[in-house]
Amino acid sequence: MTITVTPNAAAEVQKFMEEQGAADTAGLRVAVLPGGCSGFQYGLNIEDEPQSDDEVVDLSGLRLFVDPFSGQYLDGVEIDYVTTMMGSGFTFKNPNASGGCGCGSSFTT
């Protein structure tokens, strides 16, 4: 499984983890959850350690935790952090998605 995290996104995650005093074993859980206006939505959460069935992806010092269900939808995804006049936040470019919603936080396959 290949997930790309842009330097902007990695910096934001690292900054948040440092502010929260995250443990050395901590990482970013990247998940796909049922819901959203298009069927699936992305979830990001800082967790202290991976679950036993997680795939752990190390990207330049940033650890990603991906559960088996989510992994099937996340191969090839690029996670970025953007700032616009409307605000700032994480974005996802998913080559596996056949459609999405206007808010950019949910998709369909």
Protein backbone atom coordinates (compact mmCIF):
# COMPACT_ATOMS: atom_id res chain seq x y z
CA MET A 1 0.00 0.00 0.00
CA THR A 2 1.30 3.42 -0.95
CA ILE A 3 0.17 6.60 0.80
CA THR A 4 1.81 9.95 0.13
CA VAL A 5 1.87 12.70 2.74
CA THR A 6 3.03 16.06 1.41
CA PRO A 7 5.62 18.04 3.37
CA ASN A 8 2.92 20.57 4.37
CA ALA A 9 0.68 17.82 5.77
CA ALA A 10 3.56 16.07 7.56
CA ALA A 11 4.63 19.35 9.18
CA GLU A 12 1.09 20.01 10.45
CA VAL A 13 0.79 16.50 11.90
CA GLN A 14 4.22 16.72 13.55
CA LYS A 15 3.37 20.15 14.99
CA PHE A 16 0.10 18.87 16.43
CA MET A 17 1.78 15.76 17.88
CA GLU A 18 4.43 17.89 19.56
CA GLU A 19 1.80 20.25 21.01
CA GLN A 20 -0.11 17.25 22.39
CA GLY A 21 3.04 15.65 23.84
CA ALA A 22 2.49 12.47 21.84
CA ALA A 23 4.53 9.40 22.78
CA ASP A 24 7.37 8.06 20.63
CA THR A 25 5.13 5.18 19.59
CA ALA A 26 2.35 7.53 18.45
CA GLY A 27 1.23 7.94 14.88
CA LEU A 28 -1.48 9.25 12.62
CA ARG A 29 -4.42 6.92 12.04
CA VAL A 30 -5.66 7.31 8.48
CA ALA A 31 -9.08 5.70 8.13
CA VAL A 32 -11.97 5.32 5.75
CA LEU A 33 -15.33 5.29 7.51
CA PRO A 34 -18.83 4.64 6.20
CA GLY A 35 -20.73 7.91 6.00
CA GLY A 36 -20.45 11.33 4.50
CA CYS A 37 -22.59 12.58 1.65
CA SER A 38 -20.92 10.27 -0.92
CA GLY A 39 -20.77 6.99 1.03
CA PHE A 40 -17.31 7.04 2.65
CA GLN A 41 -15.43 9.68 4.58
CA TYR A 42 -11.83 10.06 5.66
CA GLY A 43 -10.76 10.09 9.26
CA LEU A 44 -7.50 11.34 10.78
CA ASN A 45 -6.64 10.85 14.42
CA ILE A 46 -3.47 10.82 16.54
CA GLU A 47 -3.15 7.53 18.43
CA ASP A 48 -0.56 6.38 20.96
CA GLU A 49 0.16 3.06 19.23
CA PRO A 50 -1.08 0.87 16.39
CA GLN A 51 -3.68 -1.87 16.76
CA SER A 52 -2.51 -5.46 16.28
CA ASP A 53 -3.94 -5.74 12.73
CA ASP A 54 -2.81 -2.29 11.51
CA GLU A 55 -0.37 -1.76 8.70
CA VAL A 56 2.23 0.73 9.91
CA VAL A 57 3.69 2.99 7.22
CA ASP A 58 6.80 5.02 8.11
CA LEU A 59 7.20 8.22 6.08
CA SER A 60 10.23 10.32 7.00
CA GLY A 61 9.68 10.01 10.74
CA LEU A 62 5.88 10.13 10.56
CA ARG A 63 4.09 6.88 11.36
CA LEU A 64 0.74 6.11 9.75
CA PHE A 65 -1.62 3.47 11.15
CA VAL A 66 -4.03 1.93 8.64
CA ASP A 67 -6.58 -0.76 9.48
CA PRO A 68 -7.30 -3.54 6.93
CA PHE A 69 -10.74 -2.16 5.93
CA SER A 70 -9.34 1.30 5.22
CA GLY A 71 -6.25 0.00 3.44
CA GLN A 72 -8.26 -1.27 0.49
CA TYR A 73 -9.44 2.29 -0.25
CA LEU A 74 -6.24 4.19 0.54
CA ASP A 75 -3.68 2.76 -1.88
CA GLY A 76 -2.29 5.65 -3.92
CA VAL A 77 -3.90 8.39 -1.78
CA GLU A 78 -2.11 11.72 -1.35
CA ILE A 79 -2.77 13.65 1.85
CA ASP A 80 -2.04 17.37 1.74
CA TYR A 81 -2.61 20.35 4.01
CA VAL A 82 -3.77 23.48 2.24
CA THR A 83 -4.56 27.03 3.28
CA THR A 84 -7.02 29.11 1.26
CA MET A 85 -9.17 32.17 1.82
CA MET A 86 -11.93 29.79 2.97
CA GLY A 87 -9.74 28.23 5.66
CA SER A 88 -7.19 25.50 6.03
CA GLY A 89 -7.27 21.76 6.42
CA PHE A 90 -6.27 18.37 5.13
CA THR A 91 -7.21 17.29 1.61
CA PHE A 92 -7.18 13.87 -0.02
CA LYS A 93 -6.45 12.98 -3.64
CA ASN A 94 -7.72 9.44 -4.10
CA PRO A 95 -7.21 7.68 -7.46
CA ASN A 96 -9.59 4.92 -6.29
CA ALA A 97 -12.56 7.29 -5.87
CA SER A 98 -15.07 7.38 -8.69
CA GLY A 99 -16.86 10.40 -7.26
CA GLY A 100 -16.89 12.83 -4.39
CA CYS A 101 -18.79 15.61 -2.77
CA GLY A 102 -18.42 19.36 -2.91
CA CYS A 103 -16.83 19.59 0.53
CA GLY A 104 -14.05 17.17 -0.46
CA SER A 105 -14.27 15.09 2.70
CA SER A 106 -16.23 12.13 1.36
CA PHE A 107 -16.05 9.91 -1.71
CA THR A 108 -17.57 6.94 -3.50
CA THR A 109 -15.92 4.01 -5.25
